[in-house]
Amino acid sequence: MKWAREEQTKQWEWPVDELTDAIFGYALAFVKALPPTQAAWFGGILDLRS
């Protein structure tokens, strides 16, 4: 596994910005698919206007 070798040499870093965007995108899609009463459980955590 290439990433394991890179991590051991301390040269590898997580692509934090890309991971954050991907995870947020999936979370937003999930909440938007919920019925309104259940989507309200998430309050202002996610911006549902986008």
PDB file of N, CA and C in Angstrom:
ATOM      1  N   MET A   1       0.834  -1.193   0.000  1.00  0.00           N
ATOM      2  CA  MET A   1       0.000   0.000   0.000  1.00  0.00           C
ATOM      3  C   MET A   1       0.875   1.252   0.000  1.00  0.00           C
ATOM      4  N   LYS A   2       0.758   2.009  -1.031  1.00  0.00           N
ATOM      5  CA  LYS A   2       1.604   3.183  -1.177  1.00  0.00           C
ATOM      6  C   LYS A   2       1.366   4.208  -0.073  1.00  0.00           C
ATOM      7  N   TRP A   3       0.090   4.486   0.256  1.00  0.00           N
ATOM      8  CA  TRP A   3      -0.184   5.509   1.264  1.00  0.00           C
ATOM      9  C   TRP A   3       0.380   5.126   2.629  1.00  0.00           C
ATOM     10  N   ALA A   4       0.419   3.851   2.946  1.00  0.00           N
ATOM     11  CA  ALA A   4       0.967   3.417   4.236  1.00  0.00           C
ATOM     12  C   ALA A   4       2.456   3.727   4.312  1.00  0.00           C
ATOM     13  N   ARG A   5       3.186   3.477   3.221  1.00  0.00           N
ATOM     14  CA  ARG A   5       4.613   3.795   3.195  1.00  0.00           C
ATOM     15  C   ARG A   5       4.823   5.302   3.327  1.00  0.00           C
ATOM     16  N   GLU A   6       4.018   6.081   2.614  1.00  0.00           N
ATOM     17  CA  GLU A   6       4.162   7.533   2.676  1.00  0.00           C
ATOM     18  C   GLU A   6       3.858   8.053   4.081  1.00  0.00           C
ATOM     19  N   GLU A   7       2.860   7.471   4.732  1.00  0.00           N
ATOM     20  CA  GLU A   7       2.508   7.914   6.073  1.00  0.00           C
ATOM     21  C   GLU A   7       3.650   7.625   7.049  1.00  0.00           C
ATOM     22  N   GLN A   8       4.293   6.493   6.897  1.00  0.00           N
ATOM     23  CA  GLN A   8       5.391   6.131   7.788  1.00  0.00           C
ATOM     24  C   GLN A   8       6.584   7.067   7.618  1.00  0.00           C
ATOM     25  N   THR A   9       6.742   7.638   6.437  1.00  0.00           N
ATOM     26  CA  THR A   9       7.863   8.542   6.216  1.00  0.00           C
ATOM     27  C   THR A   9       7.514   9.987   6.583  1.00  0.00           C
ATOM     28  N   LYS A  10       6.303  10.224   7.049  1.00  0.00           N
ATOM     29  CA  LYS A  10       5.817  11.544   7.470  1.00  0.00           C
ATOM     30  C   LYS A  10       5.685  12.513   6.293  1.00  0.00           C
ATOM     31  N   GLN A  11       5.730  11.989   5.054  1.00  0.00           N
ATOM     32  CA  GLN A  11       5.590  12.837   3.877  1.00  0.00           C
ATOM     33  C   GLN A  11       4.136  12.938   3.423  1.00  0.00           C
ATOM     34  N   TRP A  12       3.280  12.086   3.957  1.00  0.00           N
ATOM     35  CA  TRP A  12       1.899  12.019   3.499  1.00  0.00           C
ATOM     36  C   TRP A  12       1.017  12.791   4.464  1.00  0.00           C
ATOM     37  N   GLU A  13       0.079  13.557   3.924  1.00  0.00           N
ATOM     38  CA  GLU A  13      -0.895  14.262   4.754  1.00  0.00           C
ATOM     39  C   GLU A  13      -2.285  14.027   4.188  1.00  0.00           C
ATOM     40  N   TRP A  14      -3.273  14.002   5.053  1.00  0.00           N
ATOM     41  CA  TRP A  14      -4.650  13.870   4.614  1.00  0.00           C
ATOM     42  C   TRP A  14      -5.035  15.097   3.797  1.00  0.00           C
ATOM     43  N   PRO A  15      -5.761  14.896   2.680  1.00  0.00           N
ATOM     44  CA  PRO A  15      -6.265  16.043   1.899  1.00  0.00           C
ATOM     45  C   PRO A  15      -7.501  16.610   2.599  1.00  0.00           C
ATOM     46  N   VAL A  16      -7.280  17.343   3.673  1.00  0.00           N
ATOM     47  CA  VAL A  16      -8.344  17.765   4.573  1.00  0.00           C
ATOM     48  C   VAL A  16      -9.430  18.579   3.867  1.00  0.00           C
ATOM     49  N   ASP A  17      -9.053  19.516   3.029  1.00  0.00           N
ATOM     50  CA  ASP A  17     -10.060  20.339   2.354  1.00  0.00           C
ATOM     51  C   ASP A  17     -10.962  19.500   1.461  1.00  0.00           C
ATOM     52  N   GLU A  18     -10.374  18.584   0.693  1.00  0.00           N
ATOM     53  CA  GLU A  18     -11.174  17.738  -0.194  1.00  0.00           C
ATOM     54  C   GLU A  18     -12.082  16.814   0.605  1.00  0.00           C
ATOM     55  N   LEU A  19     -11.569  16.251   1.690  1.00  0.00           N
ATOM     56  CA  LEU A  19     -12.383  15.372   2.524  1.00  0.00           C
ATOM     57  C   LEU A  19     -13.536  16.137   3.166  1.00  0.00           C
ATOM     58  N   THR A  20     -13.255  17.343   3.652  1.00  0.00           N
ATOM     59  CA  THR A  20     -14.296  18.157   4.278  1.00  0.00           C
ATOM     60  C   THR A  20     -15.397  18.466   3.281  1.00  0.00           C
ATOM     61  N   ASP A  21     -15.028  18.877   2.077  1.00  0.00           N
ATOM     62  CA  ASP A  21     -16.033  19.186   1.049  1.00  0.00           C
ATOM     63  C   ASP A  21     -16.868  17.958   0.709  1.00  0.00           C
ATOM     64  N   ALA A  22     -16.228  16.809   0.562  1.00  0.00           N
ATOM     65  CA  ALA A  22     -16.955  15.589   0.207  1.00  0.00           C
ATOM     66  C   ALA A  22     -17.906  15.171   1.320  1.00  0.00           C
ATOM     67  N   ILE A  23     -17.428  15.161   2.554  1.00  0.00           N
ATOM     68  CA  ILE A  23     -18.267  14.737   3.684  1.00  0.00           C
ATOM     69  C   ILE A  23     -19.432  15.694   3.876  1.00  0.00           C
ATOM     70  N   PHE A  24     -19.173  17.002   3.789  1.00  0.00           N
ATOM     71  CA  PHE A  24     -20.238  17.982   3.934  1.00  0.00           C
ATOM     72  C   PHE A  24     -21.264  17.823   2.817  1.00  0.00           C
ATOM     73  N   GLY A  25     -20.797  17.575   1.601  1.00  0.00           N
ATOM     74  CA  GLY A  25     -21.716  17.378   0.481  1.00  0.00           C
ATOM     75  C   GLY A  25     -22.646  16.198   0.704  1.00  0.00           C
ATOM     76  N   TYR A  26     -22.093  15.082   1.179  1.00  0.00           N
ATOM     77  CA  TYR A  26     -22.926  13.914   1.459  1.00  0.00           C
ATOM     78  C   TYR A  26     -23.896  14.188   2.608  1.00  0.00           C
ATOM     79  N   ALA A  27     -23.437  14.869   3.640  1.00  0.00           N
ATOM     80  CA  ALA A  27     -24.312  15.181   4.778  1.00  0.00           C
ATOM     81  C   ALA A  27     -25.452  16.095   4.342  1.00  0.00           C
ATOM     82  N   LEU A  28     -25.147  17.082   3.515  1.00  0.00           N
ATOM     83  CA  LEU A  28     -26.170  18.003   3.039  1.00  0.00           C
ATOM     84  C   LEU A  28     -27.188  17.271   2.177  1.00  0.00           C
ATOM     85  N   ALA A  29     -26.735  16.395   1.285  1.00  0.00           N
ATOM     86  CA  ALA A  29     -27.643  15.621   0.442  1.00  0.00           C
ATOM     87  C   ALA A  29     -28.541  14.735   1.301  1.00  0.00           C
ATOM     88  N   PHE A  30     -27.986  14.137   2.345  1.00  0.00           N
ATOM     89  CA  PHE A  30     -28.757  13.291   3.244  1.00  0.00           C
ATOM     90  C   PHE A  30     -29.863  14.090   3.935  1.00  0.00           C
ATOM     91  N   VAL A  31     -29.507  15.240   4.487  1.00  0.00           N
ATOM     92  CA  VAL A  31     -30.485  16.042   5.217  1.00  0.00           C
ATOM     93  C   VAL A  31     -31.555  16.585   4.272  1.00  0.00           C
ATOM     94  N   LYS A  32     -31.162  16.983   3.067  1.00  0.00           N
ATOM     95  CA  LYS A  32     -32.139  17.493   2.098  1.00  0.00           C
ATOM     96  C   LYS A  32     -33.134  16.409   1.683  1.00  0.00           C
ATOM     97  N   ALA A  33     -32.746  15.143   1.766  1.00  0.00           N
ATOM     98  CA  ALA A  33     -33.621  14.041   1.382  1.00  0.00           C
ATOM     99  C   ALA A  33     -34.593  13.653   2.496  1.00  0.00           C
ATOM    100  N   LEU A  34     -34.387  14.166   3.683  1.00  0.00           N
ATOM    101  CA  LEU A  34     -35.263  13.837   4.811  1.00  0.00           C
ATOM    102  C   LEU A  34     -36.578  14.607   4.719  1.00  0.00           C
ATOM    103  N   PRO A  35     -37.630  14.066   5.329  1.00  0.00           N
ATOM    104  CA  PRO A  35     -38.855  14.848   5.450  1.00  0.00           C
ATOM    105  C   PRO A  35     -38.559  16.109   6.269  1.00  0.00           C
ATOM    106  N   PRO A  36     -39.291  17.209   6.021  1.00  0.00           N
ATOM    107  CA  PRO A  36     -39.005  18.480   6.707  1.00  0.00           C
ATOM    108  C   PRO A  36     -38.944  18.376   8.232  1.00  0.00           C
ATOM    109  N   THR A  37     -39.811  17.576   8.828  1.00  0.00           N
ATOM    110  CA  THR A  37     -39.797  17.491  10.294  1.00  0.00           C
ATOM    111  C   THR A  37     -38.507  16.860  10.808  1.00  0.00           C
ATOM    112  N   GLN A  38     -37.974  15.898  10.063  1.00  0.00           N
ATOM    113  CA  GLN A  38     -36.720  15.268  10.482  1.00  0.00           C
ATOM    114  C   GLN A  38     -35.522  16.123  10.097  1.00  0.00           C
ATOM    115  N   ALA A  39     -35.598  16.831   8.981  1.00  0.00           N
ATOM    116  CA  ALA A  39     -34.508  17.726   8.595  1.00  0.00           C
ATOM    117  C   ALA A  39     -34.347  18.818   9.649  1.00  0.00           C
ATOM    118  N   ALA A  40     -35.439  19.206  10.288  1.00  0.00           N
ATOM    119  CA  ALA A  40     -35.398  20.250  11.318  1.00  0.00           C
ATOM    120  C   ALA A  40     -34.560  19.821  12.519  1.00  0.00           C
ATOM    121  N   TRP A  41     -34.382  18.518  12.717  1.00  0.00           N
ATOM    122  CA  TRP A  41     -33.549  18.037  13.824  1.00  0.00           C
ATOM    123  C   TRP A  41     -32.132  18.591  13.725  1.00  0.00           C
ATOM    124  N   PHE A  42     -31.690  18.879  12.524  1.00  0.00           N
ATOM    125  CA  PHE A  42     -30.322  19.337  12.314  1.00  0.00           C
ATOM    126  C   PHE A  42     -30.170  20.836  12.513  1.00  0.00           C
ATOM    127  N   GLY A  43     -31.286  21.526  12.728  1.00  0.00           N
ATOM    128  CA  GLY A  43     -31.249  22.949  13.023  1.00  0.00           C
ATOM    129  C   GLY A  43     -30.408  23.723  12.036  1.00  0.00           C
ATOM    130  N   GLY A  44     -29.563  24.619  12.539  1.00  0.00           N
ATOM    131  CA  GLY A  44     -28.733  25.447  11.689  1.00  0.00           C
ATOM    132  C   GLY A  44     -27.366  24.862  11.407  1.00  0.00           C
ATOM    133  N   ILE A  45     -27.171  23.583  11.715  1.00  0.00           N
ATOM    134  CA  ILE A  45     -25.847  22.978  11.516  1.00  0.00           C
ATOM    135  C   ILE A  45     -25.465  22.999  10.039  1.00  0.00           C
ATOM    136  N   LEU A  46     -26.445  22.663   9.176  1.00  0.00           N
ATOM    137  CA  LEU A  46     -26.188  22.649   7.742  1.00  0.00           C
ATOM    138  C   LEU A  46     -26.984  23.768   7.091  1.00  0.00           C
ATOM    139  N   ASP A  47     -26.377  24.418   6.115  1.00  0.00           N
ATOM    140  CA  ASP A  47     -27.057  25.485   5.393  1.00  0.00           C
ATOM    141  C   ASP A  47     -27.945  24.845   4.323  1.00  0.00           C
ATOM    142  N   LEU A  48     -29.245  24.787   4.573  1.00  0.00           N
ATOM    143  CA  LEU A  48     -30.145  24.087   3.673  1.00  0.00           C
ATOM    144  C   LEU A  48     -30.610  24.972   2.511  1.00  0.00           C
ATOM    145  N   ARG A  49     -30.157  26.195   2.452  1.00  0.00           N
ATOM    146  CA  ARG A  49     -30.597  27.086   1.385  1.00  0.00           C
ATOM    147  C   ARG A  49     -29.841  26.854   0.093  1.00  0.00           C
ATOM    148  N   SER A  50     -28.702  26.194   0.148  1.00  0.00           N
ATOM    149  CA  SER A  50     -27.892  26.016  -1.068  1.00  0.00           C
ATOM    150  C   SER A  50     -28.375  24.851  -1.895  1.00  0.00           C
TER     151      SER A  50
END
